[in-house]
Every structure is written in structure tokens, then in C-alpha cells.
């Protein structure tokens, strides 16, 4: 494939700066949308009349669509030209954002978020490819550091900006904000970036891509709608499970028999890469699933204004960014497996602390624990990327990075769906368990102060009791979810010993930065 501007390192400095600014804008736009909608979810839920478990489809639909379309982005760029595909992605992302902003129902906003994910999937890998083309080998380290910071701007600024826009204007501006950013990036890329050559003979394994996409989509529908439809007692859930298993079986059969399949099975012969795929799945589950839990916890249980909720969630991203810089200096000097254990330990520690939270927890505790959780991700990502690709042949790294990010995205969407379903189910279970003790024969109700307001023999007393029991059942349900995420982090620690120690000079491939 030909260079974007010229041969690496030979682009005019003025153009190179402008190109860098434009592609960074595109990356920031995509990164923001990963977290900016989180704090607005309760407001979106009220506007589109969705239940607590349904509204998380707004998050999972975007993640799933991005996961599906990330692997073929390289083929599209080769077949149609990188500039053309990037411009189409930006334009489509902006249009989909506007459609999300004007959506009037849950099906509409979920469909438009799917569109956002489909178009947004190409923004990060293609922007990264352009940066690698316009900087020399010696300058690429600095360029990738800048690129990594732009990717991490989303977790830092997303909750804060989303909270402020929702509180002061409307939740719809969480999506409209993409319009000016997208327009600037679009105009700049049109003006400064030149087209790459087109490989008209480039081919994609459409059968492999289609069956894998179908399996992922069916799995997500199964997880999102299972709790609502009482799982396998529903014909729809049975059908989705059958489609998921059948499509995945066809995908595996095709992968191991086709001459050139969508996923190269030889990737999994590398032990480091195979184990790292599981690790990044766990990272996706624990990080974004916990963010999805924190939004309703802060706003619904603790009564935080949306702006305050966004501010106290922001330090997670700060912790990640700070520790990524620290880890960057430690790579090559400290065993990366030790850094992985430290990252998992910090994540588990943060989750353990959260298992004891009640709505009376202080803001400082929320901020500090969030920072620790973000620090855990910072200690996980760079070492994990390093060790995943340290022993993988260079010829397989392109396919490996697409599959690696696919695993993280699937982990994120599956994690959000599972913790949401567990919240709904555990609230009902806990409510029934606590309510069993509410009887006229419980001596606790003999106290005059209790009897005055919580008399189970009176309608007003029963209503007050139901509200208190529901609150306590919900708090316990959140504790159970945080405990599950903690156990998942701890369960991954023994797998570190399956990893081979990379060579001291090993570094993460420049094209494997997190999306």
C-alpha cells in the first residue's frame, strides 16, 4: 500500500502537523462516544420509556457493532483507498450521531447507535495507520504516545463532558457534540491527506466474517433480552441461542478447513497471544461493566446530579493515563508478568472496596477507588499488549491486533449485559428474601417509632416498607455484581504463569494501540 503523504518521515512539516491534528480529532470523537453516553443513560431511559436492563442496549449495540466492523477495516482501506474509507467513516459517524440525538424511541436510538459503531470502528485503526506513514521510524514512538493519549481522552473527559451537557442543555447534545468535531476532522482530511493506492484484487473471507458477525450478534441479543424474556422459557431466546451456536460452529469449521479464512487459526498456536486474548476479554468485562454499574448507582441510589456523577467518574481515566506513562518507562526494565499481576491486583482491590459501598459512601472514596481501578487498567494494557505480540511473527500481527481488539469489545458488551441481567434478577431475589421477615409477628415492629411509620398492617406502612426493602435489595445486588468482577480479576492472576517472558527488547507493536 502506498504512503498517505509521502514515504515515512518525508512529509512536509506543516502538512504533517495538520494531518496529525485532523486524525487525532477523529480518534477523540470515537473515543468520547465509548463513555460519554454513560452518565446520560438515566435521562435517555426516561425519554424513550425503557426499563433499566433495556437502556444498556444503548451501550452494548455500539460496542458490538464496533467489534464486528473492526477486523475488516484493513480490507476496506486496501480495496477502496484509506482516505476514502476514513472520510466515509467520519461522515457516517456524524450522521448517525445526529440521528441518535433526534431519536424518539428505544428501537430508534439502538439502531442509530449500531450505525455509529459500524462507521466508528474504522476511525482508530485507519487514523493510526496514517500517523505511522507520515512519521519516520525514529519519530513513531512520540507519535504513538500522542495517539495513545488521544485514545485515553475518552474515559477521562467523556463522563465529565457528558454530565455537563446533560445537566445544562440536554442529553441529546451528548451526540450532537460530534458534529463540529467531525466536520473539522472531515475538512482537514479532505484538504491535507492524499489517497493511498487501491488493491483491486484484495479479498475478504465473507463467509467467515458473516458467520462470526452473526454469532456475536445472536449472543448479544441472547444476553440482552434473556432476563426480560425469562431465558429459555422464551422461544426467541431459544432461537437466538441456536443461531449463535450454529453460526459459531460454521465459523470454526470454515476457519480450520478454508485455504484463507477470516481468522488465521495459527494465531492461537502462540501461547502468549492465546492467553492474552482471554486477559483482554477480562479487562473489557471489568472496566466497562463497572462503568455501566456506576452510572445508575450514583444517580439513582445516591441521588447525584448528572454533572457531579460525571466528575467523580472522571478520575478512572486519569488513573489509567498516569499509569500508562509510568508503565511505558518500566517496560523492558521490569518483568511484564509482574506488571500484569499488579494491574489485576489493583482492579480486584478496587472491586473489593466497592463490595462494601452503600449510598452513604463519600465522594472521596468514590474518586480514590475509581482512580485505583483506572490505575489497574493502566498497569494491564501496555504490558498485556507487549506480551501478546512479543512472540507472534510479524506477518501475523495485523490479523492479531484486529482479533485482540475484537476480544476486548466482546468482553465489554458481554460484561455489561451480564451485570445488568444480574442486577435485575438479584434485586427480585433479595427483595423476596428480606420481605420474608416482614410479618406482624416480627417483634421489631413492636417499637412505637417503627410501628408509627412501618406498620405492615396498614397500606401506608406496607408501601414504606416496600420502598426500604427495594432499596436494600438493590444495594445488595450491586455488591454482588462488584464481587463477581473482583473474583474474575483474581481468577485471571494464575494465568499469568502460562505466559512466556518476552525478550527485554520487546515492545508493543505500534499498530496495536487500544481502540
Protein backbone atom coordinates (compact mmCIF):
# COMPACT_ATOMS: atom_id res chain seq x y z
CA UNK A 1 0.00 0.00 0.00
CA UNK A 2 1.38 3.41 -0.88
CA UNK A 3 2.08 6.12 1.65
CA UNK A 4 -0.53 8.61 2.77
CA UNK A 5 1.54 11.70 2.07
CA UNK A 6 4.98 10.55 1.13
CA UNK A 7 7.43 8.00 2.35
CA UNK A 8 7.56 7.75 6.13
CA UNK A 9 9.30 10.72 7.59
CA UNK A 10 9.42 12.75 4.34
CA UNK A 11 6.12 14.63 4.61
CA UNK A 12 6.31 18.45 4.84
CA UNK A 13 6.30 19.51 8.49
CA UNK A 14 3.33 21.89 8.08
CA UNK A 15 1.16 19.28 6.42
CA UNK A 16 2.25 16.65 8.89
CA UNK A 17 1.12 18.77 11.84
CA UNK A 18 -2.24 19.46 10.20
CA UNK A 19 -2.75 15.79 9.33
CA UNK A 20 -1.87 14.77 12.87
CA UNK A 21 -4.39 17.24 14.32
CA UNK A 22 -7.15 16.02 11.98
CA UNK A 23 -6.73 12.31 12.63
CA UNK A 24 -6.38 12.93 16.37
CA UNK A 25 -9.74 14.77 16.25
CA UNK A 26 -11.31 11.73 14.57
CA UNK A 27 -9.87 9.44 17.25
CA UNK A 28 -11.05 11.68 20.10
CA UNK A 29 -14.55 11.78 18.60
CA UNK A 30 -14.72 7.99 18.55
CA UNK A 31 -13.09 7.62 21.99
CA UNK A 32 -15.53 10.08 23.58
CA UNK A 33 -18.53 8.09 22.43
CA UNK A 34 -17.32 5.00 24.26
CA UNK A 35 -18.06 6.62 27.65
CA UNK A 36 -19.81 9.97 27.09
CA UNK A 37 -23.29 8.40 26.97
CA UNK A 38 -22.88 6.54 30.28
CA UNK A 39 -23.85 9.36 32.60
CA UNK A 40 -26.79 10.33 30.37
CA UNK A 41 -28.36 6.85 30.44
CA UNK A 42 -30.97 7.58 33.16
CA UNK A 43 -32.14 10.63 31.20
CA UNK A 44 -32.24 8.72 27.91
CA UNK A 45 -34.13 5.96 29.72
CA UNK A 46 -36.83 8.43 30.77
CA UNK A 47 -37.10 9.98 27.30
CA UNK A 48 -37.52 6.69 25.43
CA UNK A 49 -39.52 4.86 28.15
CA UNK A 50 -37.06 1.99 28.57
CA UNK A 51 -36.53 -0.34 31.52
CA UNK A 52 -33.26 -0.45 33.49
CA UNK A 53 -31.99 -3.50 31.61
CA UNK A 54 -33.16 -2.29 28.18
CA UNK A 55 -31.38 1.06 28.34
CA UNK A 56 -27.96 -0.62 28.41
CA UNK A 57 -28.63 -1.68 24.82
CA UNK A 58 -27.58 1.89 24.00
CA UNK A 59 -24.07 0.94 25.20
CA UNK A 60 -23.86 -2.66 24.01
CA UNK A 61 -25.22 -2.03 20.50
CA UNK A 62 -22.41 0.48 19.85
CA UNK A 63 -19.71 -1.82 21.23
CA UNK A 64 -20.94 -4.89 19.32
CA UNK A 65 -21.16 -3.03 16.02
CA UNK A 66 -17.64 -1.65 16.50
CA UNK A 67 -16.38 -5.13 17.39
CA UNK A 68 -17.84 -6.65 14.24
CA UNK A 69 -16.53 -3.99 11.86
CA UNK A 70 -13.02 -3.53 13.29
CA UNK A 71 -11.37 -6.63 11.69
CA UNK A 72 -12.42 -5.86 8.07
CA UNK A 73 -11.32 -2.20 8.24
CA UNK A 74 -7.92 -3.11 6.75
CA UNK A 75 -9.56 -4.87 3.80
CA UNK A 76 -11.85 -1.90 3.14
CA UNK A 77 -8.90 0.51 3.16
CA UNK A 78 -6.93 -1.68 0.76
CA UNK A 79 -9.87 -2.23 -1.58
CA UNK A 80 -11.32 1.29 -1.74
CA UNK A 81 -8.49 3.55 -0.53
CA UNK A 82 -7.73 4.60 3.03
CA UNK A 83 -8.69 8.26 2.68
CA UNK A 84 -11.99 7.41 1.03
CA UNK A 85 -12.91 4.88 3.73
CA UNK A 86 -11.87 7.26 6.54
CA UNK A 87 -13.95 10.12 5.13
CA UNK A 88 -16.94 7.79 4.74
CA UNK A 89 -16.48 6.62 8.33
CA UNK A 90 -16.36 10.19 9.69
CA UNK A 91 -19.38 11.32 7.65
CA UNK A 92 -21.37 8.23 8.62
CA UNK A 93 -20.42 8.61 12.28
CA UNK A 94 -21.56 12.25 12.35
CA UNK A 95 -24.86 11.48 10.60
CA UNK A 96 -25.50 8.56 12.96
CA UNK A 97 -24.73 10.84 15.92
CA UNK A 98 -27.34 13.36 14.76
CA UNK A 99 -29.86 10.54 14.32
CA UNK A 100 -29.12 9.36 17.88
CA UNK A 101 -29.77 12.89 19.11
CA UNK A 102 -33.19 13.13 17.45
CA UNK A 103 -34.26 9.56 18.30
CA UNK A 104 -37.70 9.33 19.93
CA UNK A 105 -37.85 5.65 20.91
CA UNK A 106 -35.62 2.88 22.19
CA UNK A 107 -35.55 0.92 18.88
CA UNK A 108 -34.54 4.10 17.06
CA UNK A 109 -31.65 5.05 19.33
CA UNK A 110 -30.37 1.44 19.47
CA UNK A 111 -30.47 1.22 15.65
CA UNK A 112 -28.66 4.55 15.27
CA UNK A 113 -26.06 3.53 17.87
CA UNK A 114 -25.46 0.41 15.78
CA UNK A 115 -24.79 2.70 12.81
CA UNK A 116 -22.42 4.76 14.95
CA UNK A 117 -20.48 1.65 15.88
CA UNK A 118 -20.35 0.37 12.29
CA UNK A 119 -18.90 3.63 10.98
CA UNK A 120 -16.76 4.40 14.04
CA UNK A 121 -14.95 1.05 14.01
CA UNK A 122 -12.59 2.18 11.22
CA UNK A 123 -11.65 5.54 12.71
CA UNK A 124 -8.97 4.36 15.15
CA UNK A 125 -7.05 1.80 13.04
CA UNK A 126 -7.09 3.96 9.89
CA UNK A 127 -6.04 7.12 11.76
CA UNK A 128 -3.24 5.15 13.38
CA UNK A 129 -2.10 3.86 10.00
CA UNK A 130 -1.89 7.42 8.66
CA UNK A 131 0.26 8.54 11.61
CA UNK A 132 2.61 5.59 11.08
CA UNK A 133 3.00 6.60 7.43
CA UNK A 134 3.83 10.27 7.97
CA UNK A 135 6.37 9.85 10.79
CA UNK A 136 9.81 8.32 10.49
CA UNK A 137 10.73 5.21 12.45
CA UNK A 138 12.61 7.36 14.99
CA UNK A 139 9.59 9.66 15.49
CA UNK A 140 6.92 6.99 15.68
CA UNK A 141 7.34 6.45 19.42
CA UNK A 142 6.35 10.06 20.13
CA UNK A 143 3.54 9.88 17.58
CA UNK A 144 2.13 6.71 19.17
CA UNK A 145 2.38 8.28 22.63
CA UNK A 146 0.28 11.21 21.40
CA UNK A 147 -2.09 8.76 19.75
CA UNK A 148 -2.43 6.77 22.99
CA UNK A 149 -3.21 9.92 24.97
CA UNK A 150 -5.93 10.88 22.47
CA UNK A 151 -7.48 7.42 22.85
CA UNK A 152 -7.48 7.80 26.65
CA UNK A 153 -9.12 11.26 26.48
CA UNK A 154 -12.46 9.45 26.13
CA UNK A 155 -12.51 7.76 29.56
CA UNK A 156 -11.22 10.98 31.19
CA UNK A 157 -13.40 13.64 29.56
CA UNK A 158 -16.37 11.51 28.43
CA UNK A 159 -18.22 11.32 31.79
CA UNK A 160 -17.42 14.96 32.65
CA UNK A 161 -18.49 16.43 29.29
CA UNK A 162 -21.50 14.10 29.09
CA UNK A 163 -22.61 15.09 32.58
CA UNK A 164 -22.26 18.83 31.90
CA UNK A 165 -24.10 18.69 28.57
CA UNK A 166 -26.92 16.59 30.02
CA UNK A 167 -27.32 18.83 33.07
CA UNK A 168 -27.07 22.20 31.32
CA UNK A 169 -28.52 21.58 27.85
CA UNK A 170 -29.94 18.12 27.06
CA UNK A 171 -28.79 14.51 26.84
CA UNK A 172 -29.21 14.83 23.07
CA UNK A 173 -26.12 17.07 22.97
CA UNK A 174 -24.06 14.09 24.10
CA UNK A 175 -24.43 13.04 20.45
CA UNK A 176 -24.66 16.46 18.77
CA UNK A 177 -21.19 17.38 20.07
CA UNK A 178 -19.76 15.03 17.45
CA UNK A 179 -20.94 17.32 14.63
CA UNK A 180 -18.38 20.17 14.99
CA UNK A 181 -15.56 17.74 15.85
CA UNK A 182 -16.43 15.52 12.88
CA UNK A 183 -16.71 18.45 10.47
CA UNK A 184 -13.27 19.78 11.44
CA UNK A 185 -11.72 16.33 11.02
CA UNK A 186 -13.52 15.78 7.68
CA UNK A 187 -12.47 19.12 6.18
CA UNK A 188 -8.89 18.71 7.37
CA UNK A 189 -8.53 15.21 5.94
CA UNK A 190 -10.03 16.33 2.60
CA UNK A 191 -7.53 19.20 2.46
CA UNK A 192 -4.32 17.59 3.67
CA UNK A 193 -4.44 13.80 3.30
CA UNK A 194 -3.78 12.19 -0.08
CA UNK A 195 -5.28 8.90 -1.16
CA UNK A 196 -3.49 5.58 -0.95
CA UNK A 197 -3.28 3.06 -3.75
CA UNK A 198 -6.14 0.59 -4.22
CA UNK A 199 -5.62 -3.15 -4.27
CA UNK A 200 -8.45 -4.22 -6.56
CA UNK A 201 -7.61 -7.88 -6.04
CA UNK A 202 -7.94 -7.64 -2.24
CA UNK A 203 -10.46 -10.19 -0.96
CA UNK A 204 -12.28 -10.75 2.28
CA UNK A 205 -13.47 -14.10 3.59
CA UNK A 206 -17.13 -13.07 3.57
CA UNK A 207 -18.38 -16.43 4.83
CA UNK A 208 -16.07 -16.35 7.85
CA UNK A 209 -16.83 -12.69 8.52
CA UNK A 210 -20.58 -13.24 8.15
CA UNK A 211 -20.82 -16.29 10.41
CA UNK A 212 -18.68 -14.67 13.13
CA UNK A 213 -20.74 -11.47 12.97
CA UNK A 214 -23.98 -13.47 13.15
CA UNK A 215 -22.69 -15.43 16.16
CA UNK A 216 -21.70 -12.24 18.01
CA UNK A 217 -24.99 -10.50 17.24
CA UNK A 218 -27.05 -13.53 18.32
CA UNK A 219 -25.02 -13.87 21.54
CA UNK A 220 -25.60 -10.21 22.38
CA UNK A 221 -29.35 -10.45 21.76
CA UNK A 222 -29.43 -13.61 23.89
CA UNK A 223 -27.72 -11.84 26.80
CA UNK A 224 -29.60 -8.53 26.46
CA UNK A 225 -33.10 -10.00 26.23
CA UNK A 226 -32.69 -13.18 28.28
CA UNK A 227 -33.61 -11.69 31.66
CA UNK A 228 -36.58 -9.82 30.21
CA UNK A 229 -37.99 -12.93 28.48
CA UNK A 230 -37.17 -15.42 31.28
CA UNK A 231 -34.34 -17.06 29.38
CA UNK A 232 -35.01 -20.48 27.83
CA UNK A 233 -38.73 -20.41 28.56
CA UNK A 234 -38.91 -17.98 25.61
CA UNK A 235 -38.93 -19.21 22.03
CA UNK A 236 -36.99 -16.11 20.94
CA UNK A 237 -34.17 -16.82 23.38
CA UNK A 238 -34.03 -20.46 22.27
CA UNK A 239 -33.78 -19.32 18.65
CA UNK A 240 -31.03 -16.80 19.42
CA UNK A 241 -29.04 -19.44 21.31
CA UNK A 242 -29.45 -21.87 18.40
CA UNK A 243 -28.36 -19.24 15.85
CA UNK A 244 -25.34 -18.29 17.98
CA UNK A 245 -24.14 -21.89 18.42
CA UNK A 246 -24.82 -22.82 14.78
CA UNK A 247 -23.11 -19.73 13.35
CA UNK A 248 -20.09 -20.18 15.61
CA UNK A 249 -19.84 -23.86 14.63
CA UNK A 250 -19.91 -22.92 10.94
CA UNK A 251 -17.29 -20.23 11.59
CA UNK A 252 -14.96 -22.69 13.35
CA UNK A 253 -15.45 -25.37 10.69
CA UNK A 254 -14.74 -22.89 7.93
CA UNK A 255 -11.74 -21.42 9.79
CA UNK A 256 -10.00 -24.79 10.10
CA UNK A 257 -10.80 -26.02 6.57
CA UNK A 258 -10.65 -22.96 4.29
CA UNK A 259 -7.45 -22.13 2.46
CA UNK A 260 -7.60 -18.49 3.55
CA UNK A 261 -10.04 -17.84 6.38
CA UNK A 262 -11.17 -14.62 8.06
CA UNK A 263 -9.23 -15.59 11.22
CA UNK A 264 -5.91 -17.38 10.87
CA UNK A 265 -6.08 -20.36 13.30
CA UNK A 266 -2.29 -20.44 13.52
CA UNK A 267 -2.52 -17.30 15.67
CA UNK A 268 -3.65 -19.45 18.58
CA UNK A 269 -0.59 -21.68 18.36
CA UNK A 270 1.25 -18.79 20.01
CA UNK A 271 0.64 -19.35 23.73
CA UNK A 272 1.21 -15.73 24.73
CA UNK A 273 -1.29 -14.45 22.20
CA UNK A 274 -3.93 -17.08 23.09
CA UNK A 275 -3.70 -16.36 26.84
CA UNK A 276 -3.64 -12.60 26.23
CA UNK A 277 -6.90 -12.89 24.28
CA UNK A 278 -8.55 -14.16 27.45
CA UNK A 279 -6.87 -11.46 29.54
CA UNK A 280 -8.10 -8.61 27.33
CA UNK A 281 -11.59 -10.14 27.44
CA UNK A 282 -11.47 -9.91 31.27
CA UNK A 283 -10.23 -6.32 31.03
CA UNK A 284 -13.19 -5.44 28.80
CA UNK A 285 -15.64 -7.10 31.21
CA UNK A 286 -14.33 -5.50 34.40
CA UNK A 287 -13.72 -1.95 33.15
CA UNK A 288 -16.75 -1.01 31.05
CA UNK A 289 -19.17 -3.21 33.01
CA UNK A 290 -18.20 -1.39 36.20
CA UNK A 291 -18.75 1.96 34.45
CA UNK A 292 -22.22 0.80 33.40
CA UNK A 293 -22.95 -0.10 37.04
CA UNK A 294 -21.64 3.16 38.48
CA UNK A 295 -23.92 5.44 36.47
CA UNK A 296 -27.26 4.25 37.93
CA UNK A 297 -25.61 3.70 41.33
CA UNK A 298 -24.52 7.34 41.58
CA UNK A 299 -27.59 8.93 40.06
CA UNK A 300 -30.39 6.63 41.20
CA UNK A 301 -29.26 5.28 44.57
CA UNK A 302 -27.12 8.19 45.73
CA UNK A 303 -29.09 10.98 44.07
CA UNK A 304 -26.06 12.66 42.47
CA UNK A 305 -26.73 15.32 39.83
CA UNK A 306 -25.53 14.14 36.44
CA UNK A 307 -22.66 16.67 36.36
CA UNK A 308 -21.39 15.55 39.76
CA UNK A 309 -21.66 11.90 38.70
CA UNK A 310 -19.55 12.64 35.61
CA UNK A 311 -16.89 14.47 37.63
CA UNK A 312 -16.47 11.72 40.24
CA UNK A 313 -16.22 9.09 37.47
CA UNK A 314 -13.54 11.05 35.58
CA UNK A 315 -10.58 10.06 37.82
CA UNK A 316 -10.78 6.48 36.47
CA UNK A 317 -9.44 7.71 33.16
CA UNK A 318 -6.87 9.91 34.89
CA UNK A 319 -5.56 6.87 36.78
CA UNK A 320 -5.28 4.92 33.53
CA UNK A 321 -3.45 7.70 31.72
CA UNK A 322 -0.97 8.34 34.55
CA UNK A 323 -0.12 4.66 34.96
CA UNK A 324 0.24 4.12 31.21
CA UNK A 325 3.02 6.73 31.22
CA UNK A 326 4.66 5.07 34.23
CA UNK A 327 4.43 1.61 32.67
CA UNK A 328 5.89 2.91 29.42
CA UNK A 329 9.11 3.66 31.31
CA UNK A 330 9.07 0.32 33.14
CA UNK A 331 8.66 -1.89 30.07
CA UNK A 332 11.93 -3.67 29.41
CA UNK A 333 13.19 -2.99 32.93
CA UNK A 334 10.55 -4.94 34.90
CA UNK A 335 9.08 -8.35 34.08
CA UNK A 336 5.82 -7.59 32.26
CA UNK A 337 4.16 -10.52 34.03
CA UNK A 338 4.72 -8.76 37.36
CA UNK A 339 3.04 -5.64 35.95
CA UNK A 340 0.05 -7.75 34.87
CA UNK A 341 -0.31 -9.20 38.37
CA UNK A 342 -0.11 -5.68 39.81
CA UNK A 343 -2.79 -4.45 37.41
CA UNK A 344 -5.15 -7.33 38.19
CA UNK A 345 -4.47 -6.88 41.91
CA UNK A 346 -5.34 -3.16 41.79
CA UNK A 347 -8.52 -3.91 39.86
CA UNK A 348 -9.54 -6.60 42.35
CA UNK A 349 -8.72 -4.29 45.27
CA UNK A 350 -10.95 -1.55 43.84
CA UNK A 351 -13.80 -4.02 43.28
CA UNK A 352 -13.36 -5.42 46.82
CA UNK A 353 -13.74 -1.93 48.26
CA UNK A 354 -16.87 -1.39 46.16
CA UNK A 355 -18.49 -4.53 47.61
CA UNK A 356 -18.84 -2.62 50.88
CA UNK A 357 -20.35 0.53 49.40
CA UNK A 358 -23.71 1.93 50.47
CA UNK A 359 -25.43 5.14 49.25
CA UNK A 360 -23.68 6.90 52.19
CA UNK A 361 -20.19 6.36 50.73
CA UNK A 362 -18.20 9.60 50.47
CA UNK A 363 -17.23 11.32 47.23
CA UNK A 364 -13.57 11.00 48.16
CA UNK A 365 -13.93 7.22 48.43
CA UNK A 366 -15.61 7.06 45.00
CA UNK A 367 -12.89 9.23 43.43
CA UNK A 368 -9.95 7.40 45.06
CA UNK A 369 -11.28 3.91 44.35
CA UNK A 370 -12.07 4.94 40.78
CA UNK A 371 -8.50 6.20 40.38
CA UNK A 372 -7.16 2.87 41.69
CA UNK A 373 -9.37 0.94 39.26
CA UNK A 374 -8.16 3.11 36.38
CA UNK A 375 -4.57 2.61 37.54
CA UNK A 376 -5.17 -1.14 37.37
CA UNK A 377 -6.16 -0.81 33.71
CA UNK A 378 -3.06 1.32 33.07
CA UNK A 379 -0.84 -1.41 34.50
CA UNK A 380 -2.67 -4.02 32.43
CA UNK A 381 -2.97 -2.61 28.95
CA UNK A 382 0.59 -1.79 27.86
CA UNK A 383 2.24 -4.93 29.38
CA UNK A 384 -0.58 -7.10 28.02
CA UNK A 385 -0.19 -5.66 24.54
CA UNK A 386 3.58 -6.14 24.79
CA UNK A 387 3.45 -9.76 25.88
CA UNK A 388 0.60 -10.66 23.48
CA UNK A 389 2.65 -9.77 20.41
CA UNK A 390 6.17 -10.37 21.71
CA UNK A 391 6.39 -13.91 20.30
CA UNK A 392 3.94 -13.54 17.41
CA UNK A 393 5.50 -13.49 13.92
CA UNK A 394 5.46 -10.01 12.37
CA UNK A 395 3.46 -11.32 9.39
CA UNK A 396 0.56 -12.21 11.71
CA UNK A 397 0.47 -9.03 13.79
CA UNK A 398 -2.04 -7.26 11.53
CA UNK A 399 -4.59 -10.04 11.93
CA UNK A 400 -3.65 -10.43 15.59
CA UNK A 401 -4.39 -6.82 16.52
CA UNK A 402 -7.85 -6.97 14.92
CA UNK A 403 -8.70 -10.17 16.78
CA UNK A 404 -7.22 -8.81 20.01
CA UNK A 405 -9.42 -5.70 19.92
CA UNK A 406 -12.40 -7.83 18.90
CA UNK A 407 -11.96 -9.89 22.08
CA UNK A 408 -11.86 -6.73 24.22
CA UNK A 409 -15.00 -5.33 22.63
CA UNK A 410 -16.89 -8.59 23.04
CA UNK A 411 -15.79 -8.71 26.67
CA UNK A 412 -17.13 -5.19 27.21
CA UNK A 413 -20.54 -5.88 25.67
CA UNK A 414 -20.93 -9.29 27.33
CA UNK A 415 -19.86 -7.85 30.69
CA UNK A 416 -22.39 -5.03 30.54
CA UNK A 417 -25.17 -7.44 29.59
CA UNK A 418 -24.33 -9.93 32.34
CA UNK A 419 -24.04 -7.44 35.21
CA UNK A 420 -27.26 -5.72 34.10
CA UNK A 421 -29.16 -9.01 33.97
CA UNK A 422 -27.77 -10.00 37.38
CA UNK A 423 -28.87 -6.68 38.91
CA UNK A 424 -32.44 -7.22 37.72
CA UNK A 425 -32.55 -10.84 38.88
CA UNK A 426 -30.79 -10.30 42.21
CA UNK A 427 -32.98 -7.34 43.17
CA UNK A 428 -36.03 -9.60 42.88
CA UNK A 429 -34.34 -12.45 44.78
CA UNK A 430 -33.05 -10.19 47.54
CA UNK A 431 -36.41 -8.44 47.84
CA UNK A 432 -38.15 -11.77 48.37
CA UNK A 433 -35.55 -12.88 50.94
CA UNK A 434 -35.80 -9.69 53.00
CA UNK A 435 -39.60 -9.46 52.70
CA UNK A 436 -39.91 -12.92 54.27
CA UNK A 437 -39.04 -11.31 57.61
CA UNK A 438 -41.78 -8.69 57.33
CA UNK A 439 -44.65 -10.24 59.27
CA UNK A 440 -46.93 -8.99 62.05
CA UNK A 441 -45.18 -11.46 64.36
CA UNK A 442 -41.74 -9.86 63.98
CA UNK A 443 -41.04 -8.22 67.35
CA UNK A 444 -39.06 -5.45 65.69
CA UNK A 445 -42.36 -3.88 64.69
CA UNK A 446 -43.43 -3.59 68.32
CA UNK A 447 -41.28 -0.49 68.81
CA UNK A 448 -43.58 2.59 68.75
CA UNK A 449 -41.31 4.57 66.39
CA UNK A 450 -41.25 1.68 63.90
CA UNK A 451 -44.95 0.92 64.21
CA UNK A 452 -45.86 4.55 63.54
CA UNK A 453 -44.30 4.62 60.06
CA UNK A 454 -43.78 0.99 59.05
CA UNK A 455 -46.86 -0.82 60.31
CA UNK A 456 -47.21 -3.85 57.99
CA UNK A 457 -50.94 -3.98 58.75
CA UNK A 458 -51.55 -0.57 57.11
CA UNK A 459 -51.31 0.29 53.43
CA UNK A 460 -49.02 3.30 54.03
CA UNK A 461 -46.75 1.20 56.25
CA UNK A 462 -46.52 -1.56 53.66
CA UNK A 463 -45.70 0.95 50.93
CA UNK A 464 -42.91 2.47 53.03
CA UNK A 465 -41.59 -0.98 53.88
CA UNK A 466 -41.58 -1.98 50.22
CA UNK A 467 -39.53 1.09 49.30
CA UNK A 468 -36.97 0.40 52.04
CA UNK A 469 -36.73 -3.29 51.14
CA UNK A 470 -36.31 -2.50 47.44
CA UNK A 471 -33.50 -0.05 48.25
CA UNK A 472 -31.69 -2.59 50.42
CA UNK A 473 -32.21 -5.36 47.84
CA UNK A 474 -30.75 -3.11 45.14
CA UNK A 475 -27.69 -2.22 47.25
CA UNK A 476 -27.00 -5.92 47.89
CA UNK A 477 -27.44 -6.68 44.16
CA UNK A 478 -24.77 -4.09 43.29
CA UNK A 479 -22.48 -5.56 45.95
CA UNK A 480 -22.91 -8.99 44.33
CA UNK A 481 -22.01 -7.61 40.90
CA UNK A 482 -18.90 -5.89 42.23
CA UNK A 483 -17.93 -9.12 43.97
CA UNK A 484 -18.29 -11.03 40.69
CA UNK A 485 -16.00 -8.57 38.90
CA UNK A 486 -13.49 -8.86 41.76
CA UNK A 487 -13.48 -12.66 41.53
CA UNK A 488 -13.00 -12.51 37.76
CA UNK A 489 -9.93 -10.30 38.23
CA UNK A 490 -8.48 -12.63 40.86
CA UNK A 491 -9.23 -15.74 38.78
CA UNK A 492 -7.14 -14.34 35.92
CA UNK A 493 -3.98 -13.96 38.05
CA UNK A 494 -2.89 -17.66 37.88
CA UNK A 495 -2.97 -17.47 34.07
CA UNK A 496 -0.03 -15.05 34.21
CA UNK A 497 2.20 -18.07 34.87
CA UNK A 498 1.20 -19.52 31.47
CA UNK A 499 2.80 -16.58 29.71
CA UNK A 500 6.35 -16.74 28.44
CA UNK A 501 8.66 -13.96 29.48
CA UNK A 502 9.25 -11.71 26.44
CA UNK A 503 12.70 -10.62 25.36
CA UNK A 504 13.95 -7.49 27.19
CA UNK A 505 13.82 -5.51 23.95
CA UNK A 506 10.22 -6.47 23.21
CA UNK A 507 7.82 -3.58 22.82
CA UNK A 508 4.18 -3.40 21.83
CA UNK A 509 3.67 -3.22 18.08
CA UNK A 510 2.98 0.33 17.05
CA UNK A 511 -0.30 -0.63 15.39
CA UNK A 512 -1.67 -2.42 18.45
CA UNK A 513 -2.70 0.62 20.50
CA UNK A 514 -6.04 0.22 22.28
CA UNK A 515 -9.08 1.49 20.44
